[in-house]
All heavy atoms as atom14 arrays in JSON, in Angstrom:
{
  "sequence": "REATQLALERDGFAVTAMPDGLSGLESFRADRPDIALLDVMLPGL",
  "atom14_mask": [
    [1, 1, 1, 1, 1, 1, 1, 1, 1, 1, 1, 0, 0, 0],
    [1, 1, 1, 1, 1, 1, 1, 1, 1, 0, 0, 0, 0, 0],
    [1, 1, 1, 1, 1, 0, 0, 0, 0, 0, 0, 0, 0, 0],
    [1, 1, 1, 1, 1, 1, 1, 0, 0, 0, 0, 0, 0, 0],
    [1, 1, 1, 1, 1, 1, 1, 1, 1, 0, 0, 0, 0, 0],
    [1, 1, 1, 1, 1, 1, 1, 1, 0, 0, 0, 0, 0, 0],
    [1, 1, 1, 1, 1, 0, 0, 0, 0, 0, 0, 0, 0, 0],
    [1, 1, 1, 1, 1, 1, 1, 1, 0, 0, 0, 0, 0, 0],
    [1, 1, 1, 1, 1, 1, 1, 1, 1, 0, 0, 0, 0, 0],
    [1, 1, 1, 1, 1, 1, 1, 1, 1, 1, 1, 0, 0, 0],
    [1, 1, 1, 1, 1, 1, 1, 1, 0, 0, 0, 0, 0, 0],
    [1, 1, 1, 1, 0, 0, 0, 0, 0, 0, 0, 0, 0, 0],
    [1, 1, 1, 1, 1, 1, 1, 1, 1, 1, 1, 0, 0, 0],
    [1, 1, 1, 1, 1, 0, 0, 0, 0, 0, 0, 0, 0, 0],
    [1, 1, 1, 1, 1, 1, 1, 0, 0, 0, 0, 0, 0, 0],
    [1, 1, 1, 1, 1, 1, 1, 0, 0, 0, 0, 0, 0, 0],
    [1, 1, 1, 1, 1, 0, 0, 0, 0, 0, 0, 0, 0, 0],
    [1, 1, 1, 1, 1, 1, 1, 1, 0, 0, 0, 0, 0, 0],
    [1, 1, 1, 1, 1, 1, 1, 0, 0, 0, 0, 0, 0, 0],
    [1, 1, 1, 1, 1, 1, 1, 1, 0, 0, 0, 0, 0, 0],
    [1, 1, 1, 1, 0, 0, 0, 0, 0, 0, 0, 0, 0, 0],
    [1, 1, 1, 1, 1, 1, 1, 1, 0, 0, 0, 0, 0, 0],
    [1, 1, 1, 1, 1, 1, 0, 0, 0, 0, 0, 0, 0, 0],
    [1, 1, 1, 1, 0, 0, 0, 0, 0, 0, 0, 0, 0, 0],
    [1, 1, 1, 1, 1, 1, 1, 1, 0, 0, 0, 0, 0, 0],
    [1, 1, 1, 1, 1, 1, 1, 1, 1, 0, 0, 0, 0, 0],
    [1, 1, 1, 1, 1, 1, 0, 0, 0, 0, 0, 0, 0, 0],
    [1, 1, 1, 1, 1, 1, 1, 1, 1, 1, 1, 0, 0, 0],
    [1, 1, 1, 1, 1, 1, 1, 1, 1, 1, 1, 0, 0, 0],
    [1, 1, 1, 1, 1, 0, 0, 0, 0, 0, 0, 0, 0, 0],
    [1, 1, 1, 1, 1, 1, 1, 1, 0, 0, 0, 0, 0, 0],
    [1, 1, 1, 1, 1, 1, 1, 1, 1, 1, 1, 0, 0, 0],
    [1, 1, 1, 1, 1, 1, 1, 0, 0, 0, 0, 0, 0, 0],
    [1, 1, 1, 1, 1, 1, 1, 1, 0, 0, 0, 0, 0, 0],
    [1, 1, 1, 1, 1, 1, 1, 1, 0, 0, 0, 0, 0, 0],
    [1, 1, 1, 1, 1, 0, 0, 0, 0, 0, 0, 0, 0, 0],
    [1, 1, 1, 1, 1, 1, 1, 1, 0, 0, 0, 0, 0, 0],
    [1, 1, 1, 1, 1, 1, 1, 1, 0, 0, 0, 0, 0, 0],
    [1, 1, 1, 1, 1, 1, 1, 1, 0, 0, 0, 0, 0, 0],
    [1, 1, 1, 1, 1, 1, 1, 0, 0, 0, 0, 0, 0, 0],
    [1, 1, 1, 1, 1, 1, 1, 1, 0, 0, 0, 0, 0, 0],
    [1, 1, 1, 1, 1, 1, 1, 1, 0, 0, 0, 0, 0, 0],
    [1, 1, 1, 1, 1, 1, 1, 0, 0, 0, 0, 0, 0, 0],
    [1, 1, 1, 1, 0, 0, 0, 0, 0, 0, 0, 0, 0, 0],
    [1, 1, 1, 1, 1, 1, 1, 1, 0, 0, 0, 0, 0, 0]
  ],
  "atom14_positions": [
    [[-5.97, 26.45, 4.09], [-5.57, 25.04, 4.11], [-6.66, 24.15, 4.7], [-7.03, 23.12, 4.13], [-4.27, 24.89, 4.89], [-3.7, 23.47, 4.83], [-2.34, 23.36, 5.5], [-2.39, 23.62, 6.93], [-1.94, 24.72, 7.51], [-1.4, 25.69, 6.78], [-2.02, 24.89, 8.81], [0.0, 0.0, 0.0], [0.0, 0.0, 0.0], [0.0, 0.0, 0.0]],
    [[-7.19, 24.56, 5.85], [-8.2, 23.73, 6.52], [-9.51, 23.7, 5.75], [-10.14, 22.64, 5.61], [-8.4, 24.25, 7.94], [-7.19, 24.05, 8.84], [-7.31, 24.77, 10.17], [-8.4, 25.29, 10.47], [-6.3, 24.82, 10.9], [0.0, 0.0, 0.0], [0.0, 0.0, 0.0], [0.0, 0.0, 0.0], [0.0, 0.0, 0.0], [0.0, 0.0, 0.0]],
    [[-9.95, 24.86, 5.25], [-11.22, 24.91, 4.52], [-11.14, 24.11, 3.22], [-12.08, 23.37, 2.85], [-11.6, 26.36, 4.22], [0.0, 0.0, 0.0], [0.0, 0.0, 0.0], [0.0, 0.0, 0.0], [0.0, 0.0, 0.0], [0.0, 0.0, 0.0], [0.0, 0.0, 0.0], [0.0, 0.0, 0.0], [0.0, 0.0, 0.0], [0.0, 0.0, 0.0]],
    [[-10.01, 24.24, 2.51], [-9.86, 23.52, 1.24], [-9.74, 22.02, 1.49], [-10.31, 21.21, 0.73], [-8.63, 24.04, 0.48], [-8.75, 25.44, 0.26], [-8.5, 23.34, -0.87], [0.0, 0.0, 0.0], [0.0, 0.0, 0.0], [0.0, 0.0, 0.0], [0.0, 0.0, 0.0], [0.0, 0.0, 0.0], [0.0, 0.0, 0.0], [0.0, 0.0, 0.0]],
    [[-9.03, 21.64, 2.51], [-8.92, 20.21, 2.83], [-10.29, 19.61, 3.11], [-10.62, 18.54, 2.58], [-8.01, 20.0, 4.04], [-7.87, 18.52, 4.44], [-6.89, 18.3, 5.56], [-6.3, 19.25, 6.1], [-6.67, 17.05, 5.93], [0.0, 0.0, 0.0], [0.0, 0.0, 0.0], [0.0, 0.0, 0.0], [0.0, 0.0, 0.0], [0.0, 0.0, 0.0]],
    [[-11.1, 20.29, 3.89], [-12.45, 19.79, 4.18], [-13.29, 19.69, 2.91], [-14.01, 18.71, 2.72], [-13.13, 20.71, 5.2], [-12.62, 20.64, 6.64], [-13.27, 21.72, 7.49], [-12.88, 19.26, 7.23], [0.0, 0.0, 0.0], [0.0, 0.0, 0.0], [0.0, 0.0, 0.0], [0.0, 0.0, 0.0], [0.0, 0.0, 0.0], [0.0, 0.0, 0.0]],
    [[-13.17, 20.71, 2.04], [-13.95, 20.71, 0.8], [-13.55, 19.54, -0.09], [-14.41, 18.86, -0.68], [-13.77, 22.04, 0.07], [0.0, 0.0, 0.0], [0.0, 0.0, 0.0], [0.0, 0.0, 0.0], [0.0, 0.0, 0.0], [0.0, 0.0, 0.0], [0.0, 0.0, 0.0], [0.0, 0.0, 0.0], [0.0, 0.0, 0.0], [0.0, 0.0, 0.0]],
    [[-12.25, 19.29, -0.2], [-11.78, 18.2, -1.05], [-12.17, 16.85, -0.46], [-12.55, 15.92, -1.19], [-10.26, 18.28, -1.21], [-9.73, 19.46, -2.01], [-8.2, 19.47, -1.99], [-10.24, 19.43, -3.44], [0.0, 0.0, 0.0], [0.0, 0.0, 0.0], [0.0, 0.0, 0.0], [0.0, 0.0, 0.0], [0.0, 0.0, 0.0], [0.0, 0.0, 0.0]],
    [[-12.11, 16.73, 0.85], [-12.5, 15.47, 1.49], [-13.99, 15.21, 1.32], [-14.4, 14.04, 1.14], [-12.11, 15.5, 2.96], [-10.6, 15.41, 3.17], [-10.17, 15.56, 4.61], [-11.0, 16.06, 5.43], [-9.03, 15.2, 4.93], [0.0, 0.0, 0.0], [0.0, 0.0, 0.0], [0.0, 0.0, 0.0], [0.0, 0.0, 0.0], [0.0, 0.0, 0.0]],
    [[-14.8, 16.26, 1.34], [-16.23, 16.07, 1.1], [-16.5, 15.55, -0.31], [-17.49, 14.87, -0.56], [-16.99, 17.39, 1.32], [-17.22, 17.74, 2.78], [-18.29, 18.79, 2.92], [-17.93, 20.03, 2.25], [-17.29, 21.04, 2.84], [-16.94, 20.96, 4.11], [-17.0, 22.14, 2.17], [0.0, 0.0, 0.0], [0.0, 0.0, 0.0], [0.0, 0.0, 0.0]],
    [[-15.58, 15.91, -1.25], [-15.73, 15.43, -2.63], [-15.07, 14.08, -2.85], [-14.95, 13.63, -3.98], [-15.16, 16.45, -3.61], [-16.18, 17.51, -4.0], [-17.0, 17.22, -4.88], [-16.17, 18.6, -3.4], [0.0, 0.0, 0.0], [0.0, 0.0, 0.0], [0.0, 0.0, 0.0], [0.0, 0.0, 0.0], [0.0, 0.0, 0.0], [0.0, 0.0, 0.0]],
    [[-14.62, 13.43, -1.78], [-14.13, 12.07, -1.89], [-12.63, 11.9, -2.03], [-12.15, 10.78, -2.23], [0.0, 0.0, 0.0], [0.0, 0.0, 0.0], [0.0, 0.0, 0.0], [0.0, 0.0, 0.0], [0.0, 0.0, 0.0], [0.0, 0.0, 0.0], [0.0, 0.0, 0.0], [0.0, 0.0, 0.0], [0.0, 0.0, 0.0], [0.0, 0.0, 0.0]],
    [[-11.87, 13.0, -1.92], [-10.41, 12.91, -2.01], [-9.81, 12.62, -0.64], [-10.33, 13.07, 0.39], [-9.82, 14.21, -2.55], [-10.23, 14.55, -3.95], [-11.26, 15.45, -4.2], [-9.59, 13.96, -5.04], [-11.64, 15.76, -5.5], [-9.96, 14.27, -6.34], [-10.98, 15.16, -6.57], [0.0, 0.0, 0.0], [0.0, 0.0, 0.0], [0.0, 0.0, 0.0]],
    [[-8.72, 11.9, -0.64], [-7.91, 11.76, 0.56], [-6.84, 12.85, 0.51], [-6.11, 12.96, -0.47], [-7.26, 10.38, 0.62], [0.0, 0.0, 0.0], [0.0, 0.0, 0.0], [0.0, 0.0, 0.0], [0.0, 0.0, 0.0], [0.0, 0.0, 0.0], [0.0, 0.0, 0.0], [0.0, 0.0, 0.0], [0.0, 0.0, 0.0], [0.0, 0.0, 0.0]],
    [[-6.76, 13.68, 1.55], [-5.92, 14.87, 1.5], [-4.86, 14.84, 2.61], [-5.18, 14.6, 3.77], [-6.76, 16.15, 1.64], [-5.87, 17.39, 1.57], [-7.85, 16.2, 0.57], [0.0, 0.0, 0.0], [0.0, 0.0, 0.0], [0.0, 0.0, 0.0], [0.0, 0.0, 0.0], [0.0, 0.0, 0.0], [0.0, 0.0, 0.0], [0.0, 0.0, 0.0]],
    [[-3.61, 15.08, 2.21], [-2.54, 15.36, 3.15], [-2.2, 16.84, 3.01], [-1.8, 17.27, 1.93], [-1.29, 14.51, 2.87], [-1.62, 13.12, 3.03], [-0.17, 14.87, 3.83], [0.0, 0.0, 0.0], [0.0, 0.0, 0.0], [0.0, 0.0, 0.0], [0.0, 0.0, 0.0], [0.0, 0.0, 0.0], [0.0, 0.0, 0.0], [0.0, 0.0, 0.0]],
    [[-2.41, 17.61, 4.06], [-2.19, 19.06, 4.01], [-0.94, 19.43, 4.8], [-0.77, 19.01, 5.94], [-3.41, 19.8, 4.57], [0.0, 0.0, 0.0], [0.0, 0.0, 0.0], [0.0, 0.0, 0.0], [0.0, 0.0, 0.0], [0.0, 0.0, 0.0], [0.0, 0.0, 0.0], [0.0, 0.0, 0.0], [0.0, 0.0, 0.0], [0.0, 0.0, 0.0]],
    [[-0.07, 20.2, 4.17], [1.18, 20.62, 4.8], [1.3, 22.15, 4.74], [0.85, 22.78, 3.78], [2.37, 19.98, 4.09], [2.47, 18.47, 4.3], [2.76, 18.09, 6.04], [2.63, 16.3, 6.05], [0.0, 0.0, 0.0], [0.0, 0.0, 0.0], [0.0, 0.0, 0.0], [0.0, 0.0, 0.0], [0.0, 0.0, 0.0], [0.0, 0.0, 0.0]],
    [[1.95, 22.76, 5.78], [1.99, 24.23, 5.89], [3.18, 24.91, 5.24], [3.22, 26.14, 5.18], [2.02, 24.44, 7.41], [2.81, 23.27, 7.91], [2.44, 22.11, 7.01], [0.0, 0.0, 0.0], [0.0, 0.0, 0.0], [0.0, 0.0, 0.0], [0.0, 0.0, 0.0], [0.0, 0.0, 0.0], [0.0, 0.0, 0.0], [0.0, 0.0, 0.0]],
    [[4.16, 24.15, 4.75], [5.33, 24.78, 4.16], [5.97, 23.86, 3.14], [5.65, 22.67, 3.06], [6.35, 25.16, 5.24], [6.82, 23.96, 6.04], [7.63, 23.17, 5.52], [6.37, 23.8, 7.19], [0.0, 0.0, 0.0], [0.0, 0.0, 0.0], [0.0, 0.0, 0.0], [0.0, 0.0, 0.0], [0.0, 0.0, 0.0], [0.0, 0.0, 0.0]],
    [[6.89, 24.42, 2.36], [7.47, 23.67, 1.26], [8.31, 22.48, 1.67], [8.27, 21.43, 1.03], [0.0, 0.0, 0.0], [0.0, 0.0, 0.0], [0.0, 0.0, 0.0], [0.0, 0.0, 0.0], [0.0, 0.0, 0.0], [0.0, 0.0, 0.0], [0.0, 0.0, 0.0], [0.0, 0.0, 0.0], [0.0, 0.0, 0.0], [0.0, 0.0, 0.0]],
    [[9.08, 22.62, 2.73], [9.96, 21.54, 3.15], [9.16, 20.33, 3.65], [9.47, 19.19, 3.31], [10.94, 22.02, 4.22], [11.99, 23.02, 3.73], [12.82, 23.54, 4.89], [12.91, 22.36, 2.69], [0.0, 0.0, 0.0], [0.0, 0.0, 0.0], [0.0, 0.0, 0.0], [0.0, 0.0, 0.0], [0.0, 0.0, 0.0], [0.0, 0.0, 0.0]],
    [[8.13, 20.59, 4.45], [7.29, 19.48, 4.92], [6.49, 18.89, 3.76], [6.23, 17.68, 3.72], [6.35, 19.94, 6.04], [5.42, 20.9, 5.58], [0.0, 0.0, 0.0], [0.0, 0.0, 0.0], [0.0, 0.0, 0.0], [0.0, 0.0, 0.0], [0.0, 0.0, 0.0], [0.0, 0.0, 0.0], [0.0, 0.0, 0.0], [0.0, 0.0, 0.0]],
    [[6.14, 19.74, 2.8], [5.45, 19.24, 1.62], [6.32, 18.31, 0.81], [5.86, 17.27, 0.33], [0.0, 0.0, 0.0], [0.0, 0.0, 0.0], [0.0, 0.0, 0.0], [0.0, 0.0, 0.0], [0.0, 0.0, 0.0], [0.0, 0.0, 0.0], [0.0, 0.0, 0.0], [0.0, 0.0, 0.0], [0.0, 0.0, 0.0], [0.0, 0.0, 0.0]],
    [[7.6, 18.66, 0.65], [8.53, 17.81, -0.09], [8.73, 16.49, 0.63], [8.74, 15.42, 0.0], [9.87, 18.53, -0.27], [10.95, 17.77, -1.02], [10.51, 17.43, -2.43], [12.25, 18.58, -1.04], [0.0, 0.0, 0.0], [0.0, 0.0, 0.0], [0.0, 0.0, 0.0], [0.0, 0.0, 0.0], [0.0, 0.0, 0.0], [0.0, 0.0, 0.0]],
    [[8.89, 16.55, 1.94], [9.06, 15.33, 2.73], [7.84, 14.42, 2.6], [7.97, 13.21, 2.43], [9.3, 15.69, 4.2], [9.54, 14.5, 5.09], [9.8, 14.9, 6.54], [10.0, 16.1, 6.78], [9.81, 14.01, 7.41], [0.0, 0.0, 0.0], [0.0, 0.0, 0.0], [0.0, 0.0, 0.0], [0.0, 0.0, 0.0], [0.0, 0.0, 0.0]],
    [[6.65, 15.02, 2.66], [5.42, 14.24, 2.52], [5.3, 13.63, 1.14], [4.89, 12.48, 0.99], [4.2, 15.13, 2.81], [3.0, 14.42, 2.61], [0.0, 0.0, 0.0], [0.0, 0.0, 0.0], [0.0, 0.0, 0.0], [0.0, 0.0, 0.0], [0.0, 0.0, 0.0], [0.0, 0.0, 0.0], [0.0, 0.0, 0.0], [0.0, 0.0, 0.0]],
    [[5.66, 14.41, 0.12], [5.59, 13.89, -1.25], [6.49, 12.67, -1.41], [6.08, 11.66, -1.98], [6.0, 14.97, -2.26], [6.07, 14.46, -3.66], [4.92, 14.36, -4.42], [7.27, 14.04, -4.22], [4.96, 13.85, -5.71], [7.33, 13.53, -5.5], [6.16, 13.43, -6.25], [0.0, 0.0, 0.0], [0.0, 0.0, 0.0], [0.0, 0.0, 0.0]],
    [[7.71, 12.77, -0.93], [8.64, 11.65, -1.07], [8.22, 10.43, -0.28], [8.47, 9.29, -0.7], [10.04, 12.11, -0.66], [10.67, 13.08, -1.65], [11.98, 13.66, -1.14], [12.66, 14.42, -2.19], [13.73, 15.19, -1.96], [14.23, 15.29, -0.74], [14.29, 15.86, -2.96], [0.0, 0.0, 0.0], [0.0, 0.0, 0.0], [0.0, 0.0, 0.0]],
    [[7.55, 10.65, 0.84], [7.14, 9.52, 1.69], [5.86, 8.86, 1.18], [5.72, 7.64, 1.23], [6.94, 10.01, 3.12], [0.0, 0.0, 0.0], [0.0, 0.0, 0.0], [0.0, 0.0, 0.0], [0.0, 0.0, 0.0], [0.0, 0.0, 0.0], [0.0, 0.0, 0.0], [0.0, 0.0, 0.0], [0.0, 0.0, 0.0], [0.0, 0.0, 0.0]],
    [[4.91, 9.67, 0.7], [3.57, 9.16, 0.39], [3.28, 8.96, -1.09], [2.37, 8.23, -1.45], [2.51, 10.09, 0.98], [2.64, 10.22, 2.49], [3.12, 9.26, 3.12], [2.25, 11.28, 3.03], [0.0, 0.0, 0.0], [0.0, 0.0, 0.0], [0.0, 0.0, 0.0], [0.0, 0.0, 0.0], [0.0, 0.0, 0.0], [0.0, 0.0, 0.0]],
    [[4.02, 9.65, -1.97], [3.8, 9.57, -3.41], [2.32, 9.76, -3.76], [1.63, 8.82, -4.2], [4.3, 8.24, -3.96], [5.81, 8.1, -3.87], [6.5, 9.1, -4.78], [7.95, 9.13, -4.56], [8.8, 9.82, -5.31], [8.34, 10.56, -6.31], [10.08, 9.83, -5.05], [0.0, 0.0, 0.0], [0.0, 0.0, 0.0], [0.0, 0.0, 0.0]],
    [[1.8, 10.97, -3.58], [0.37, 11.24, -3.86], [0.06, 11.16, -5.35], [0.95, 11.1, -6.19], [0.2, 12.68, -3.34], [1.56, 13.28, -3.51], [2.53, 12.18, -3.18], [0.0, 0.0, 0.0], [0.0, 0.0, 0.0], [0.0, 0.0, 0.0], [0.0, 0.0, 0.0], [0.0, 0.0, 0.0], [0.0, 0.0, 0.0], [0.0, 0.0, 0.0]],
    [[-1.24, 11.18, -5.64], [-1.69, 11.12, -7.04], [-1.63, 12.47, -7.72], [-1.54, 12.56, -8.95], [-3.13, 10.59, -7.1], [-3.24, 9.19, -6.54], [-2.52, 8.3, -7.02], [-4.05, 8.99, -5.61], [0.0, 0.0, 0.0], [0.0, 0.0, 0.0], [0.0, 0.0, 0.0], [0.0, 0.0, 0.0], [0.0, 0.0, 0.0], [0.0, 0.0, 0.0]],
    [[-1.7, 13.54, -6.93], [-1.66, 14.9, -7.48], [-1.19, 15.84, -6.37], [-1.43, 15.57, -5.19], [-3.04, 15.33, -8.02], [-2.96, 16.7, -8.72], [-4.1, 15.33, -6.92], [-4.22, 17.06, -9.51], [0.0, 0.0, 0.0], [0.0, 0.0, 0.0], [0.0, 0.0, 0.0], [0.0, 0.0, 0.0], [0.0, 0.0, 0.0], [0.0, 0.0, 0.0]],
    [[-0.51, 16.92, -6.75], [-0.03, 17.89, -5.78], [-0.61, 19.27, -6.08], [-0.58, 19.72, -7.23], [1.5, 17.96, -5.79], [0.0, 0.0, 0.0], [0.0, 0.0, 0.0], [0.0, 0.0, 0.0], [0.0, 0.0, 0.0], [0.0, 0.0, 0.0], [0.0, 0.0, 0.0], [0.0, 0.0, 0.0], [0.0, 0.0, 0.0], [0.0, 0.0, 0.0]],
    [[-1.13, 19.93, -5.07], [-1.59, 21.31, -5.14], [-0.61, 22.15, -4.34], [-0.47, 21.95, -3.13], [-3.0, 21.46, -4.56], [-4.11, 20.58, -5.1], [-5.43, 20.93, -4.4], [-4.24, 20.73, -6.59], [0.0, 0.0, 0.0], [0.0, 0.0, 0.0], [0.0, 0.0, 0.0], [0.0, 0.0, 0.0], [0.0, 0.0, 0.0], [0.0, 0.0, 0.0]],
    [[0.05, 23.09, -5.0], [1.11, 23.85, -4.35], [0.84, 25.34, -4.42], [0.68, 25.9, -5.51], [2.47, 23.56, -5.02], [2.84, 22.1, -5.27], [4.18, 22.03, -6.0], [2.87, 21.31, -3.98], [0.0, 0.0, 0.0], [0.0, 0.0, 0.0], [0.0, 0.0, 0.0], [0.0, 0.0, 0.0], [0.0, 0.0, 0.0], [0.0, 0.0, 0.0]],
    [[0.8, 25.99, -3.26], [0.74, 27.44, -3.25], [2.08, 27.99, -3.73], [3.13, 27.41, -3.45], [0.44, 27.93, -1.84], [0.23, 29.44, -1.78], [-0.27, 30.0, -2.78], [0.57, 30.05, -0.76], [0.0, 0.0, 0.0], [0.0, 0.0, 0.0], [0.0, 0.0, 0.0], [0.0, 0.0, 0.0], [0.0, 0.0, 0.0], [0.0, 0.0, 0.0]],
    [[2.05, 29.08, -4.47], [3.3, 29.65, -4.97], [4.14, 30.21, -3.83], [5.35, 29.96, -3.73], [3.0, 30.76, -6.01], [4.27, 31.52, -6.34], [2.41, 30.15, -7.28], [0.0, 0.0, 0.0], [0.0, 0.0, 0.0], [0.0, 0.0, 0.0], [0.0, 0.0, 0.0], [0.0, 0.0, 0.0], [0.0, 0.0, 0.0], [0.0, 0.0, 0.0]],
    [[3.52, 30.96, -2.93], [4.24, 31.62, -1.84], [4.21, 30.73, -0.6], [3.2, 30.66, 0.1], [3.6, 32.98, -1.54], [3.59, 33.92, -2.74], [5.25, 34.32, -3.36], [5.89, 35.26, -1.99], [0.0, 0.0, 0.0], [0.0, 0.0, 0.0], [0.0, 0.0, 0.0], [0.0, 0.0, 0.0], [0.0, 0.0, 0.0], [0.0, 0.0, 0.0]],
    [[5.32, 30.04, -0.36], [5.42, 29.14, 0.79], [6.69, 29.48, 1.58], [7.71, 29.84, 0.99], [5.49, 27.68, 0.34], [4.26, 27.06, -0.29], [4.59, 25.68, -0.86], [3.13, 26.95, 0.74], [0.0, 0.0, 0.0], [0.0, 0.0, 0.0], [0.0, 0.0, 0.0], [0.0, 0.0, 0.0], [0.0, 0.0, 0.0], [0.0, 0.0, 0.0]],
    [[6.65, 29.33, 2.89], [7.86, 29.54, 3.7], [8.82, 28.36, 3.57], [8.4, 27.23, 3.3], [7.31, 29.64, 5.13], [6.04, 28.86, 5.11], [5.46, 29.06, 3.73], [0.0, 0.0, 0.0], [0.0, 0.0, 0.0], [0.0, 0.0, 0.0], [0.0, 0.0, 0.0], [0.0, 0.0, 0.0], [0.0, 0.0, 0.0], [0.0, 0.0, 0.0]],
    [[10.09, 28.64, 3.76], [11.1, 27.59, 3.73], [11.53, 27.22, 2.32], [12.67, 27.45, 1.92], [0.0, 0.0, 0.0], [0.0, 0.0, 0.0], [0.0, 0.0, 0.0], [0.0, 0.0, 0.0], [0.0, 0.0, 0.0], [0.0, 0.0, 0.0], [0.0, 0.0, 0.0], [0.0, 0.0, 0.0], [0.0, 0.0, 0.0], [0.0, 0.0, 0.0]],
    [[10.6, 26.67, 1.56], [10.83, 26.29, 0.17], [9.6, 26.73, -0.61], [8.5, 26.23, -0.37], [11.03, 24.77, 0.06], [11.34, 24.19, -1.32], [12.74, 24.61, -1.78], [11.23, 22.66, -1.29], [0.0, 0.0, 0.0], [0.0, 0.0, 0.0], [0.0, 0.0, 0.0], [0.0, 0.0, 0.0], [0.0, 0.0, 0.0], [0.0, 0.0, 0.0]]
  ]
}
């Protein structure tokens, strides 16, 4: 998560990184990002 976030930010993306599915869903609903990258195996959801 941390390495990929740094790599994407170096390429000019603004990144919101979340550690689990439930926080990811909450962040999506609050921020409405332009694109979502989702790991298949996530805790919670």
